[in-house]
């Protein structure tokens, strides 16, 4: 049995805990949160043996094998570094951290410790994403040279720490844009990034005035506090000549919330979202192909279960995870490049 700890029991931790609970190789052993009452409530719900308010005390106790870190982005470095130095394997919620320099320090600590650090790029673990990866590896689409991704929320600023630049490191780019950028980058073969040209917009705020539509709000939501971008777009160029076009928003005068993910190769194309489909050419005819899968789009619960199960397997076998720390470093170069380009109003060479 792998003894698991959780640091941070906000909303995202529920997905981790539910998936751990369904894995027969796992014991949910310890819960840590700055709010002791909240930690105790989670421990009671999931049968955890220990409750902590200090993550260092939890690691120093030497009783857990691995931990999920589900805290503010700006805390990822100190907590993950403390964990690996204590001999604890880590599943770290995305993004890896908030700066490239911090990402490199985490990578250095992981390498020095010999521990496993898996980043929670949950979209990689979706069954449809793995199906596309299988077809791509077999050459079905040829070389992907262009990808177009869009993650649009019309009133989706969660507020709280998500809207606090000092804790989050950014808005929709680093929170929801990272998922679609990472998935495309992974499916494209993880090419080395060359340059980024981007724009960010601060026009609408959190739009707390909107009525008749529900939206997720963080536990520490404050309608008056918002220091992150509403929306951003970016053109990312890679050293192999491929490119990726991104748009991501927390709030926008858009008709609906919508995620689209398209990749185009020299032998075929694929739409991952909103519904899986392939496009190819046979006998001088263009064919649109619909793979027969249980879910036509992204299945969050299954993807999270796959992610957790993979992490436990890596802990047991010591194999490197599907989303290693090195990928997180490269993704931070892209994300930080987007913000730097927008701030300077020019293309950034990376």
C-alpha atoms as a PDB file:
ATOM      1  CA  UNK A   1       0.000   0.000   0.000  1.00  0.00           C
ATOM      2  CA  UNK A   2       1.229   3.484  -0.912  1.00  0.00           C
ATOM      3  CA  UNK A   3       0.617   5.981   1.880  1.00  0.00           C
ATOM      4  CA  UNK A   4      -0.550   9.259   0.374  1.00  0.00           C
ATOM      5  CA  UNK A   5      -0.583  12.763   1.798  1.00  0.00           C
ATOM      6  CA  UNK A   6      -2.447  15.786   0.480  1.00  0.00           C
ATOM      7  CA  UNK A   7      -1.276  19.374   0.889  1.00  0.00           C
ATOM      8  CA  UNK A   8      -4.092  21.860   0.322  1.00  0.00           C
ATOM      9  CA  UNK A   9      -7.719  20.752   0.422  1.00  0.00           C
ATOM     10  CA  UNK A  10      -9.318  23.296  -1.872  1.00  0.00           C
ATOM     11  CA  UNK A  11     -11.624  22.350  -4.742  1.00  0.00           C
ATOM     12  CA  UNK A  12      -9.065  20.557  -6.935  1.00  0.00           C
ATOM     13  CA  UNK A  13      -8.025  18.251  -4.085  1.00  0.00           C
ATOM     14  CA  UNK A  14     -11.418  16.541  -4.235  1.00  0.00           C
ATOM     15  CA  UNK A  15     -10.542  15.131  -7.639  1.00  0.00           C
ATOM     16  CA  UNK A  16      -7.255  13.789  -6.290  1.00  0.00           C
ATOM     17  CA  UNK A  17      -8.832  12.329  -3.168  1.00  0.00           C
ATOM     18  CA  UNK A  18     -11.701  10.681  -5.022  1.00  0.00           C
ATOM     19  CA  UNK A  19      -9.273   9.060  -7.462  1.00  0.00           C
ATOM     20  CA  UNK A  20      -6.904   7.904  -4.714  1.00  0.00           C
ATOM     21  CA  UNK A  21      -9.868   6.425  -2.863  1.00  0.00           C
ATOM     22  CA  UNK A  22     -10.680   4.275  -5.903  1.00  0.00           C
ATOM     23  CA  UNK A  23      -7.130   2.935  -6.257  1.00  0.00           C
ATOM     24  CA  UNK A  24      -6.756  -0.321  -4.260  1.00  0.00           C
ATOM     25  CA  UNK A  25      -3.000   0.241  -3.875  1.00  0.00           C
ATOM     26  CA  UNK A  26      -3.467   3.494  -1.923  1.00  0.00           C
ATOM     27  CA  UNK A  27      -4.077   4.500   1.667  1.00  0.00           C
ATOM     28  CA  UNK A  28      -5.017   8.156   2.129  1.00  0.00           C
ATOM     29  CA  UNK A  29      -2.872   8.675   5.208  1.00  0.00           C
ATOM     30  CA  UNK A  30      -2.376  12.396   5.924  1.00  0.00           C
ATOM     31  CA  UNK A  31      -4.095  15.692   5.165  1.00  0.00           C
ATOM     32  CA  UNK A  32      -2.403  19.084   5.479  1.00  0.00           C
ATOM     33  CA  UNK A  33      -3.998  22.505   5.174  1.00  0.00           C
ATOM     34  CA  UNK A  34      -3.434  25.900   6.772  1.00  0.00           C
ATOM     35  CA  UNK A  35      -7.078  25.742   7.851  1.00  0.00           C
ATOM     36  CA  UNK A  36      -7.087  22.968  10.462  1.00  0.00           C
ATOM     37  CA  UNK A  37     -10.873  22.630  10.503  1.00  0.00           C
ATOM     38  CA  UNK A  38     -10.913  22.123   6.751  1.00  0.00           C
ATOM     39  CA  UNK A  39      -8.100  19.581   6.997  1.00  0.00           C
ATOM     40  CA  UNK A  40      -9.942  17.644   9.706  1.00  0.00           C
ATOM     41  CA  UNK A  41     -13.134  17.624   7.648  1.00  0.00           C
ATOM     42  CA  UNK A  42     -11.282  16.144   4.662  1.00  0.00           C
ATOM     43  CA  UNK A  43      -9.529  13.613   6.908  1.00  0.00           C
ATOM     44  CA  UNK A  44     -12.855  12.500   8.349  1.00  0.00           C
ATOM     45  CA  UNK A  45     -14.409  12.183   4.909  1.00  0.00           C
ATOM     46  CA  UNK A  46     -11.573  10.145   3.398  1.00  0.00           C
ATOM     47  CA  UNK A  47     -10.373   8.241   6.456  1.00  0.00           C
ATOM     48  CA  UNK A  48      -6.956   9.865   6.783  1.00  0.00           C
ATOM     49  CA  UNK A  49      -4.958   8.929   9.886  1.00  0.00           C
ATOM     50  CA  UNK A  50      -3.092  12.213  10.416  1.00  0.00           C
ATOM     51  CA  UNK A  51      -3.938  15.917  10.140  1.00  0.00           C
ATOM     52  CA  UNK A  52      -1.346  18.678   9.799  1.00  0.00           C
ATOM     53  CA  UNK A  53      -1.242  22.435   9.333  1.00  0.00           C
ATOM     54  CA  UNK A  54       2.503  22.438   8.540  1.00  0.00           C
ATOM     55  CA  UNK A  55       3.628  20.493   5.463  1.00  0.00           C
ATOM     56  CA  UNK A  56       7.231  20.283   6.716  1.00  0.00           C
ATOM     57  CA  UNK A  57       6.046  18.460   9.838  1.00  0.00           C
ATOM     58  CA  UNK A  58       4.125  16.026   7.658  1.00  0.00           C
ATOM     59  CA  UNK A  59       7.185  15.298   5.512  1.00  0.00           C
ATOM     60  CA  UNK A  60       9.549  15.078   8.516  1.00  0.00           C
ATOM     61  CA  UNK A  61       7.321  12.462  10.152  1.00  0.00           C
ATOM     62  CA  UNK A  62       8.509  10.036   7.472  1.00  0.00           C
ATOM     63  CA  UNK A  63       5.184   8.209   7.293  1.00  0.00           C
ATOM     64  CA  UNK A  64       4.001   8.966   3.759  1.00  0.00           C
ATOM     65  CA  UNK A  65       5.387   7.652   0.481  1.00  0.00           C
ATOM     66  CA  UNK A  66       3.943  10.266  -1.854  1.00  0.00           C
ATOM     67  CA  UNK A  67       1.982  13.509  -1.841  1.00  0.00           C
ATOM     68  CA  UNK A  68      -0.402  15.507  -4.005  1.00  0.00           C
ATOM     69  CA  UNK A  69       0.280  19.241  -3.797  1.00  0.00           C
ATOM     70  CA  UNK A  70      -2.884  21.240  -4.491  1.00  0.00           C
ATOM     71  CA  UNK A  71      -1.955  24.717  -3.274  1.00  0.00           C
ATOM     72  CA  UNK A  72      -1.489  28.229  -4.647  1.00  0.00           C
ATOM     73  CA  UNK A  73       0.901  28.351  -7.599  1.00  0.00           C
ATOM     74  CA  UNK A  74       3.464  30.506  -5.766  1.00  0.00           C
ATOM     75  CA  UNK A  75       3.815  27.824  -3.059  1.00  0.00           C
ATOM     76  CA  UNK A  76       4.620  24.975  -5.441  1.00  0.00           C
ATOM     77  CA  UNK A  77       8.378  25.421  -5.262  1.00  0.00           C
ATOM     78  CA  UNK A  78       8.919  25.382  -1.479  1.00  0.00           C
ATOM     79  CA  UNK A  79       6.467  22.545  -0.875  1.00  0.00           C
ATOM     80  CA  UNK A  80       7.628  20.280  -3.700  1.00  0.00           C
ATOM     81  CA  UNK A  81      11.305  20.866  -2.908  1.00  0.00           C
ATOM     82  CA  UNK A  82      10.693  20.070   0.768  1.00  0.00           C
ATOM     83  CA  UNK A  83       8.867  16.896  -0.239  1.00  0.00           C
ATOM     84  CA  UNK A  84      11.533  15.458  -2.538  1.00  0.00           C
ATOM     85  CA  UNK A  85      14.306  16.337  -0.083  1.00  0.00           C
ATOM     86  CA  UNK A  86      12.355  14.363   2.527  1.00  0.00           C
ATOM     87  CA  UNK A  87      12.210  11.339   0.205  1.00  0.00           C
ATOM     88  CA  UNK A  88       8.570  11.826  -0.793  1.00  0.00           C
ATOM     89  CA  UNK A  89       7.369  11.433  -4.399  1.00  0.00           C
ATOM     90  CA  UNK A  90       5.223  14.288  -5.706  1.00  0.00           C
ATOM     91  CA  UNK A  91       2.166  14.783  -7.864  1.00  0.00           C
ATOM     92  CA  UNK A  92       2.111  18.541  -8.353  1.00  0.00           C
ATOM     93  CA  UNK A  93      -0.914  20.351  -9.696  1.00  0.00           C
ATOM     94  CA  UNK A  94      -0.282  22.472 -12.778  1.00  0.00           C
ATOM     95  CA  UNK A  95       1.385  24.791 -13.492  1.00  0.00           C
ATOM     96  CA  UNK A  96       4.785  23.674 -12.244  1.00  0.00           C
ATOM     97  CA  UNK A  97       5.319  27.091 -10.627  1.00  0.00           C
ATOM     98  CA  UNK A  98       5.148  30.803 -11.563  1.00  0.00           C
ATOM     99  CA  UNK A  99       8.587  31.596 -13.058  1.00  0.00           C
ATOM    100  CA  UNK A 100      11.226  29.862 -15.153  1.00  0.00           C
ATOM    101  CA  UNK A 101      13.826  30.404 -12.433  1.00  0.00           C
ATOM    102  CA  UNK A 102      11.598  28.703  -9.878  1.00  0.00           C
ATOM    103  CA  UNK A 103      10.922  25.844 -12.321  1.00  0.00           C
ATOM    104  CA  UNK A 104      14.651  25.250 -12.761  1.00  0.00           C
ATOM    105  CA  UNK A 105      15.163  25.132  -8.996  1.00  0.00           C
ATOM    106  CA  UNK A 106      12.430  22.516  -8.673  1.00  0.00           C
ATOM    107  CA  UNK A 107      13.969  20.476 -11.484  1.00  0.00           C
ATOM    108  CA  UNK A 108      17.389  20.646  -9.829  1.00  0.00           C
ATOM    109  CA  UNK A 109      15.967  19.476  -6.495  1.00  0.00           C
ATOM    110  CA  UNK A 110      14.109  16.588  -8.123  1.00  0.00           C
ATOM    111  CA  UNK A 111      17.223  15.413  -9.976  1.00  0.00           C
ATOM    112  CA  UNK A 112      19.377  15.671  -6.846  1.00  0.00           C
ATOM    113  CA  UNK A 113      16.875  13.726  -4.746  1.00  0.00           C
ATOM    114  CA  UNK A 114      16.141  10.917  -7.185  1.00  0.00           C
ATOM    115  CA  UNK A 115      12.460  11.242  -6.330  1.00  0.00           C
ATOM    116  CA  UNK A 116       9.566  11.289  -8.799  1.00  0.00           C
ATOM    117  CA  UNK A 117       7.716  14.490  -9.614  1.00  0.00           C
ATOM    118  CA  UNK A 118       4.703  14.227 -11.885  1.00  0.00           C
ATOM    119  CA  UNK A 119       2.918  17.376 -13.048  1.00  0.00           C
ATOM    120  CA  UNK A 120      -0.873  17.363 -13.131  1.00  0.00           C
ATOM    121  CA  UNK A 121      -1.301  17.915 -16.860  1.00  0.00           C
ATOM    122  CA  UNK A 122      -4.529  15.948 -16.657  1.00  0.00           C
ATOM    123  CA  UNK A 123      -5.456  16.386 -20.314  1.00  0.00           C
ATOM    124  CA  UNK A 124      -2.570  14.130 -21.334  1.00  0.00           C
ATOM    125  CA  UNK A 125      -4.207  11.312 -19.393  1.00  0.00           C
ATOM    126  CA  UNK A 126      -7.600  11.506 -21.114  1.00  0.00           C
ATOM    127  CA  UNK A 127      -8.392   8.365 -23.105  1.00  0.00           C
ATOM    128  CA  UNK A 128      -9.021  10.341 -26.295  1.00  0.00           C
ATOM    129  CA  UNK A 129      -5.699  12.170 -25.971  1.00  0.00           C
ATOM    130  CA  UNK A 130      -3.896   8.859 -25.625  1.00  0.00           C
ATOM    131  CA  UNK A 131      -5.773   7.531 -28.668  1.00  0.00           C
ATOM    132  CA  UNK A 132      -4.596  10.525 -30.715  1.00  0.00           C
ATOM    133  CA  UNK A 133      -1.041   9.991 -29.427  1.00  0.00           C
ATOM    134  CA  UNK A 134      -1.156   6.350 -30.518  1.00  0.00           C
ATOM    135  CA  UNK A 135      -2.344   7.250 -34.033  1.00  0.00           C
ATOM    136  CA  UNK A 136       0.191  10.068 -34.247  1.00  0.00           C
ATOM    137  CA  UNK A 137       3.082   7.820 -33.193  1.00  0.00           C
ATOM    138  CA  UNK A 138       2.057   5.409 -35.946  1.00  0.00           C
ATOM    139  CA  UNK A 139       2.348   8.227 -38.514  1.00  0.00           C
ATOM    140  CA  UNK A 140      -1.375   8.587 -39.223  1.00  0.00           C
ATOM    141  CA  UNK A 141      -1.218  12.393 -39.331  1.00  0.00           C
ATOM    142  CA  UNK A 142       2.375  12.810 -40.493  1.00  0.00           C
ATOM    143  CA  UNK A 143       4.210  15.706 -38.874  1.00  0.00           C
ATOM    144  CA  UNK A 144       2.080  18.193 -36.966  1.00  0.00           C
ATOM    145  CA  UNK A 145       3.155  21.636 -38.154  1.00  0.00           C
ATOM    146  CA  UNK A 146       0.296  23.794 -36.871  1.00  0.00           C
ATOM    147  CA  UNK A 147      -2.061  23.717 -33.906  1.00  0.00           C
ATOM    148  CA  UNK A 148      -4.899  26.047 -32.958  1.00  0.00           C
ATOM    149  CA  UNK A 149      -6.321  26.052 -29.436  1.00  0.00           C
ATOM    150  CA  UNK A 150      -8.942  28.117 -27.697  1.00  0.00           C
ATOM    151  CA  UNK A 151     -10.082  27.998 -24.077  1.00  0.00           C
ATOM    152  CA  UNK A 152     -12.803  30.607 -23.682  1.00  0.00           C
ATOM    153  CA  UNK A 153     -14.829  31.454 -20.597  1.00  0.00           C
ATOM    154  CA  UNK A 154     -17.242  34.339 -20.864  1.00  0.00           C
ATOM    155  CA  UNK A 155     -17.619  34.906 -17.057  1.00  0.00           C
ATOM    156  CA  UNK A 156     -15.131  32.425 -15.673  1.00  0.00           C
ATOM    157  CA  UNK A 157     -12.829  34.451 -13.426  1.00  0.00           C
ATOM    158  CA  UNK A 158     -12.841  32.423 -10.178  1.00  0.00           C
ATOM    159  CA  UNK A 159     -11.583  35.365  -8.112  1.00  0.00           C
ATOM    160  CA  UNK A 160      -9.735  34.753  -4.862  1.00  0.00           C
ATOM    161  CA  UNK A 161      -6.150  33.536  -5.281  1.00  0.00           C
ATOM    162  CA  UNK A 162      -6.799  32.781  -8.970  1.00  0.00           C
ATOM    163  CA  UNK A 163      -7.228  36.533  -9.547  1.00  0.00           C
ATOM    164  CA  UNK A 164      -4.267  37.536  -7.374  1.00  0.00           C
ATOM    165  CA  UNK A 165      -1.170  37.831  -9.559  1.00  0.00           C
ATOM    166  CA  UNK A 166       1.189  37.475  -6.597  1.00  0.00           C
ATOM    167  CA  UNK A 167      -0.190  34.015  -5.783  1.00  0.00           C
ATOM    168  CA  UNK A 168      -1.312  32.691  -9.171  1.00  0.00           C
ATOM    169  CA  UNK A 169       1.391  34.053 -11.477  1.00  0.00           C
ATOM    170  CA  UNK A 170      -1.261  35.002 -14.044  1.00  0.00           C
ATOM    171  CA  UNK A 171      -4.837  34.555 -15.191  1.00  0.00           C
ATOM    172  CA  UNK A 172      -6.390  32.395 -17.895  1.00  0.00           C
ATOM    173  CA  UNK A 173      -3.069  31.712 -19.655  1.00  0.00           C
ATOM    174  CA  UNK A 174      -1.481  30.015 -16.653  1.00  0.00           C
ATOM    175  CA  UNK A 175      -4.706  28.537 -15.257  1.00  0.00           C
ATOM    176  CA  UNK A 176      -6.689  27.104 -18.186  1.00  0.00           C
ATOM    177  CA  UNK A 177      -4.523  27.949 -21.196  1.00  0.00           C
ATOM    178  CA  UNK A 178      -1.748  25.736 -19.848  1.00  0.00           C
ATOM    179  CA  UNK A 179      -3.943  22.649 -20.284  1.00  0.00           C
ATOM    180  CA  UNK A 180      -4.598  23.122 -23.993  1.00  0.00           C
ATOM    181  CA  UNK A 181      -1.103  24.395 -24.812  1.00  0.00           C
ATOM    182  CA  UNK A 182       0.496  21.488 -23.004  1.00  0.00           C
ATOM    183  CA  UNK A 183      -1.732  18.917 -24.677  1.00  0.00           C
ATOM    184  CA  UNK A 184      -0.933  20.225 -28.162  1.00  0.00           C
ATOM    185  CA  UNK A 185       2.772  20.536 -27.386  1.00  0.00           C
ATOM    186  CA  UNK A 186       2.775  16.939 -26.101  1.00  0.00           C
ATOM    187  CA  UNK A 187       0.920  15.614 -29.156  1.00  0.00           C
ATOM    188  CA  UNK A 188       3.212  17.594 -31.480  1.00  0.00           C
ATOM    189  CA  UNK A 189       6.185  15.709 -30.078  1.00  0.00           C
ATOM    190  CA  UNK A 190       7.297  18.330 -27.523  1.00  0.00           C
ATOM    191  CA  UNK A 191       9.327  20.505 -29.909  1.00  0.00           C
ATOM    192  CA  UNK A 192      11.735  23.058 -28.475  1.00  0.00           C
ATOM    193  CA  UNK A 193      10.151  26.510 -28.230  1.00  0.00           C
ATOM    194  CA  UNK A 194      11.802  29.250 -30.291  1.00  0.00           C
ATOM    195  CA  UNK A 195       9.769  32.426 -29.811  1.00  0.00           C
ATOM    196  CA  UNK A 196       6.478  33.834 -28.536  1.00  0.00           C
ATOM    197  CA  UNK A 197       4.425  36.823 -29.655  1.00  0.00           C
ATOM    198  CA  UNK A 198       1.454  37.638 -27.426  1.00  0.00           C
ATOM    199  CA  UNK A 199      -1.134  40.138 -26.251  1.00  0.00           C
ATOM    200  CA  UNK A 200      -2.951  40.370 -22.912  1.00  0.00           C
ATOM    201  CA  UNK A 201      -6.060  42.415 -22.179  1.00  0.00           C
ATOM    202  CA  UNK A 202      -7.385  43.931 -18.953  1.00  0.00           C
ATOM    203  CA  UNK A 203     -10.781  45.275 -19.981  1.00  0.00           C
ATOM    204  CA  UNK A 204     -13.679  43.631 -18.117  1.00  0.00           C
ATOM    205  CA  UNK A 205     -12.437  42.523 -14.692  1.00  0.00           C
ATOM    206  CA  UNK A 206     -14.298  39.744 -12.905  1.00  0.00           C
ATOM    207  CA  UNK A 207     -17.754  40.941 -14.075  1.00  0.00           C
ATOM    208  CA  UNK A 208     -19.335  40.290 -10.677  1.00  0.00           C
ATOM    209  CA  UNK A 209     -22.280  42.396 -11.845  1.00  0.00           C
ATOM    210  CA  UNK A 210     -23.525  39.674 -14.219  1.00  0.00           C
ATOM    211  CA  UNK A 211     -26.791  38.044 -13.138  1.00  0.00           C
ATOM    212  CA  UNK A 212     -28.729  34.958 -14.297  1.00  0.00           C
ATOM    213  CA  UNK A 213     -25.583  32.923 -15.085  1.00  0.00           C
ATOM    214  CA  UNK A 214     -23.700  30.782 -12.604  1.00  0.00           C
ATOM    215  CA  UNK A 215     -19.906  30.623 -12.469  1.00  0.00           C
ATOM    216  CA  UNK A 216     -17.346  28.969 -10.227  1.00  0.00           C
ATOM    217  CA  UNK A 217     -15.971  31.199  -7.481  1.00  0.00           C
ATOM    218  CA  UNK A 218     -12.991  30.521  -5.250  1.00  0.00           C
ATOM    219  CA  UNK A 219     -13.573  30.190  -1.515  1.00  0.00           C
ATOM    220  CA  UNK A 220     -11.800  33.527  -0.939  1.00  0.00           C
ATOM    221  CA  UNK A 221     -13.648  35.353  -3.728  1.00  0.00           C
ATOM    222  CA  UNK A 222     -13.541  39.153  -3.498  1.00  0.00           C
ATOM    223  CA  UNK A 223     -15.400  41.114  -6.176  1.00  0.00           C
ATOM    224  CA  UNK A 224     -13.116  44.113  -5.730  1.00  0.00           C
ATOM    225  CA  UNK A 225      -9.839  42.252  -6.140  1.00  0.00           C
ATOM    226  CA  UNK A 226      -8.445  41.297  -9.553  1.00  0.00           C
ATOM    227  CA  UNK A 227      -4.897  41.750 -10.857  1.00  0.00           C
ATOM    228  CA  UNK A 228      -4.760  39.168 -13.680  1.00  0.00           C
ATOM    229  CA  UNK A 229      -5.542  39.409 -17.376  1.00  0.00           C
ATOM    230  CA  UNK A 230      -9.060  38.913 -18.747  1.00  0.00           C
ATOM    231  CA  UNK A 231      -7.868  37.407 -21.987  1.00  0.00           C
ATOM    232  CA  UNK A 232      -4.732  36.662 -23.970  1.00  0.00           C
ATOM    233  CA  UNK A 233      -3.693  35.438 -27.388  1.00  0.00           C
ATOM    234  CA  UNK A 234      -0.328  34.175 -28.519  1.00  0.00           C
ATOM    235  CA  UNK A 235       1.589  32.754 -31.450  1.00  0.00           C
ATOM    236  CA  UNK A 236       4.181  30.229 -30.302  1.00  0.00           C
ATOM    237  CA  UNK A 237       6.928  29.237 -32.749  1.00  0.00           C
ATOM    238  CA  UNK A 238       9.044  26.105 -32.368  1.00  0.00           C
ATOM    239  CA  UNK A 239      12.557  25.345 -33.568  1.00  0.00           C
ATOM    240  CA  UNK A 240      11.297  22.662 -35.982  1.00  0.00           C
ATOM    241  CA  UNK A 241       9.170  25.246 -37.825  1.00  0.00           C
ATOM    242  CA  UNK A 242       5.849  24.250 -36.263  1.00  0.00           C
ATOM    243  CA  UNK A 243       3.600  26.839 -34.635  1.00  0.00           C
ATOM    244  CA  UNK A 244       0.740  27.005 -32.152  1.00  0.00           C
ATOM    245  CA  UNK A 245      -1.941  29.678 -31.934  1.00  0.00           C
ATOM    246  CA  UNK A 246      -3.578  30.196 -28.521  1.00  0.00           C
ATOM    247  CA  UNK A 247      -6.445  32.219 -27.149  1.00  0.00           C
ATOM    248  CA  UNK A 248      -7.605  31.954 -23.540  1.00  0.00           C
ATOM    249  CA  UNK A 249     -10.020  34.013 -21.468  1.00  0.00           C
ATOM    250  CA  UNK A 250     -11.531  34.227 -18.013  1.00  0.00           C
ATOM    251  CA  UNK A 251     -14.005  36.828 -19.194  1.00  0.00           C
ATOM    252  CA  UNK A 252     -14.979  37.914 -22.688  1.00  0.00           C
ATOM    253  CA  UNK A 253     -18.045  39.128 -24.575  1.00  0.00           C
ATOM    254  CA  UNK A 254     -18.425  35.697 -26.115  1.00  0.00           C
ATOM    255  CA  UNK A 255     -21.602  33.805 -26.926  1.00  0.00           C
ATOM    256  CA  UNK A 256     -20.640  30.759 -24.858  1.00  0.00           C
ATOM    257  CA  UNK A 257     -17.892  28.968 -22.989  1.00  0.00           C
ATOM    258  CA  UNK A 258     -15.972  26.880 -25.477  1.00  0.00           C
ATOM    259  CA  UNK A 259     -12.795  24.868 -25.787  1.00  0.00           C
ATOM    260  CA  UNK A 260     -11.411  23.906 -29.192  1.00  0.00           C
ATOM    261  CA  UNK A 261      -8.244  21.947 -29.905  1.00  0.00           C
ATOM    262  CA  UNK A 262      -7.104  21.290 -33.480  1.00  0.00           C
ATOM    263  CA  UNK A 263      -3.837  19.925 -34.823  1.00  0.00           C
ATOM    264  CA  UNK A 264      -2.846  19.795 -38.485  1.00  0.00           C
ATOM    265  CA  UNK A 265      -0.261  17.484 -40.026  1.00  0.00           C
ATOM    266  CA  UNK A 266       0.979  16.853 -43.553  1.00  0.00           C
ATOM    267  CA  UNK A 267      -0.959  13.576 -43.762  1.00  0.00           C
ATOM    268  CA  UNK A 268      -4.054  14.425 -41.722  1.00  0.00           C
ATOM    269  CA  UNK A 269      -5.594  16.501 -38.984  1.00  0.00           C
ATOM    270  CA  UNK A 270      -7.338  15.934 -35.684  1.00  0.00           C
ATOM    271  CA  UNK A 271      -9.917  17.761 -33.611  1.00  0.00           C
ATOM    272  CA  UNK A 272      -9.622  16.817 -29.934  1.00  0.00           C
ATOM    273  CA  UNK A 273     -12.253  19.250 -28.612  1.00  0.00           C
ATOM    274  CA  UNK A 274     -15.135  19.764 -28.613  1.00  0.00           C
ATOM    275  CA  UNK A 275     -15.532  16.300 -30.187  1.00  0.00           C
ATOM    276  CA  UNK A 276     -12.881  13.846 -31.344  1.00  0.00           C
ATOM    277  CA  UNK A 277     -12.558  13.537 -35.118  1.00  0.00           C
ATOM    278  CA  UNK A 278      -9.863  12.856 -37.700  1.00  0.00           C
ATOM    279  CA  UNK A 279      -9.507  14.334 -41.184  1.00  0.00           C
ATOM    280  CA  UNK A 280      -7.482  12.598 -43.856  1.00  0.00           C
ATOM    281  CA  UNK A 281      -7.242  12.042 -47.591  1.00  0.00           C
ATOM    282  CA  UNK A 282      -7.763   8.707 -49.381  1.00  0.00           C
ATOM    283  CA  UNK A 283      -8.133   8.012 -53.100  1.00  0.00           C
ATOM    284  CA  UNK A 284      -8.244  11.741 -53.919  1.00  0.00           C
ATOM    285  CA  UNK A 285     -11.086  12.191 -51.439  1.00  0.00           C
ATOM    286  CA  UNK A 286     -11.140  14.077 -48.128  1.00  0.00           C
ATOM    287  CA  UNK A 287     -12.538  11.950 -45.309  1.00  0.00           C
ATOM    288  CA  UNK A 288     -13.834  13.096 -41.943  1.00  0.00           C
ATOM    289  CA  UNK A 289     -13.548  10.160 -39.543  1.00  0.00           C
ATOM    290  CA  UNK A 290     -15.267   9.839 -36.166  1.00  0.00           C
ATOM    291  CA  UNK A 291     -13.474   7.345 -33.901  1.00  0.00           C
ATOM    292  CA  UNK A 292     -15.907   5.296 -31.850  1.00  0.00           C
ATOM    293  CA  UNK A 293     -15.055   6.067 -28.228  1.00  0.00           C
ATOM    294  CA  UNK A 294     -17.045   6.074 -25.000  1.00  0.00           C
ATOM    295  CA  UNK A 295     -16.748   9.848 -24.685  1.00  0.00           C
ATOM    296  CA  UNK A 296     -16.598  12.093 -27.720  1.00  0.00           C
ATOM    297  CA  UNK A 297     -14.973  14.879 -25.678  1.00  0.00           C
ATOM    298  CA  UNK A 298     -12.797  15.319 -22.605  1.00  0.00           C
ATOM    299  CA  UNK A 299     -13.828  13.138 -19.644  1.00  0.00           C
ATOM    300  CA  UNK A 300     -12.433  14.823 -16.524  1.00  0.00           C
ATOM    301  CA  UNK A 301     -13.180  12.073 -14.014  1.00  0.00           C
ATOM    302  CA  UNK A 302     -11.638   9.296 -16.112  1.00  0.00           C
ATOM    303  CA  UNK A 303      -8.622  11.430 -16.966  1.00  0.00           C
ATOM    304  CA  UNK A 304      -8.018  12.190 -13.292  1.00  0.00           C
ATOM    305  CA  UNK A 305      -8.311   8.515 -12.392  1.00  0.00           C
ATOM    306  CA  UNK A 306      -5.823   7.661 -15.138  1.00  0.00           C
ATOM    307  CA  UNK A 307      -3.476  10.374 -13.877  1.00  0.00           C
ATOM    308  CA  UNK A 308      -3.607   9.154 -10.271  1.00  0.00           C
ATOM    309  CA  UNK A 309      -3.250   5.488 -11.259  1.00  0.00           C
ATOM    310  CA  UNK A 310      -0.226   6.356 -13.419  1.00  0.00           C
ATOM    311  CA  UNK A 311       1.367   8.259 -10.532  1.00  0.00           C
ATOM    312  CA  UNK A 312       0.937   5.311  -8.177  1.00  0.00           C
ATOM    313  CA  UNK A 313       2.422   2.983 -10.783  1.00  0.00           C
ATOM    314  CA  UNK A 314       5.435   5.299 -11.121  1.00  0.00           C
ATOM    315  CA  UNK A 315       5.875   5.381  -7.348  1.00  0.00           C
ATOM    316  CA  UNK A 316       5.835   1.588  -7.258  1.00  0.00           C
ATOM    317  CA  UNK A 317       7.988   0.877 -10.318  1.00  0.00           C
ATOM    318  CA  UNK A 318      10.229   4.017 -10.255  1.00  0.00           C
ATOM    319  CA  UNK A 319       9.539   4.692 -13.919  1.00  0.00           C
ATOM    320  CA  UNK A 320       9.467   8.313 -15.084  1.00  0.00           C
ATOM    321  CA  UNK A 321       5.966   9.789 -15.407  1.00  0.00           C
ATOM    322  CA  UNK A 322       4.193  10.782 -18.600  1.00  0.00           C
ATOM    323  CA  UNK A 323       4.382  14.424 -17.469  1.00  0.00           C
ATOM    324  CA  UNK A 324       7.830  14.865 -15.885  1.00  0.00           C
ATOM    325  CA  UNK A 325       9.370  17.947 -14.306  1.00  0.00           C
ATOM    326  CA  UNK A 326      11.418  18.667 -17.447  1.00  0.00           C
ATOM    327  CA  UNK A 327       8.207  19.183 -19.416  1.00  0.00           C
ATOM    328  CA  UNK A 328       7.047  21.597 -16.747  1.00  0.00           C
ATOM    329  CA  UNK A 329      10.189  23.669 -17.182  1.00  0.00           C
ATOM    330  CA  UNK A 330       9.651  23.972 -20.936  1.00  0.00           C
ATOM    331  CA  UNK A 331       5.984  24.846 -20.402  1.00  0.00           C
ATOM    332  CA  UNK A 332       6.988  27.614 -17.965  1.00  0.00           C
ATOM    333  CA  UNK A 333       9.263  29.042 -20.658  1.00  0.00           C
ATOM    334  CA  UNK A 334       6.254  29.240 -22.956  1.00  0.00           C
ATOM    335  CA  UNK A 335       3.840  30.657 -20.358  1.00  0.00           C
ATOM    336  CA  UNK A 336       6.280  33.236 -19.027  1.00  0.00           C
ATOM    337  CA  UNK A 337       7.245  34.092 -22.600  1.00  0.00           C
ATOM    338  CA  UNK A 338       3.601  34.915 -23.316  1.00  0.00           C
ATOM    339  CA  UNK A 339       3.418  37.353 -20.406  1.00  0.00           C
ATOM    340  CA  UNK A 340       6.816  38.878 -21.199  1.00  0.00           C
ATOM    341  CA  UNK A 341       5.938  39.374 -24.867  1.00  0.00           C
ATOM    342  CA  UNK A 342       2.627  41.019 -23.999  1.00  0.00           C
ATOM    343  CA  UNK A 343       4.254  43.312 -21.443  1.00  0.00           C
ATOM    344  CA  UNK A 344       6.995  44.411 -23.830  1.00  0.00           C
ATOM    345  CA  UNK A 345       4.766  44.569 -26.901  1.00  0.00           C
ATOM    346  CA  UNK A 346       7.132  42.530 -29.047  1.00  0.00           C
ATOM    347  CA  UNK A 347       8.084  38.978 -29.989  1.00  0.00           C
ATOM    348  CA  UNK A 348      10.282  37.258 -27.420  1.00  0.00           C
ATOM    349  CA  UNK A 349      13.073  34.903 -28.453  1.00  0.00           C
ATOM    350  CA  UNK A 350      13.360  31.954 -26.091  1.00  0.00           C
END
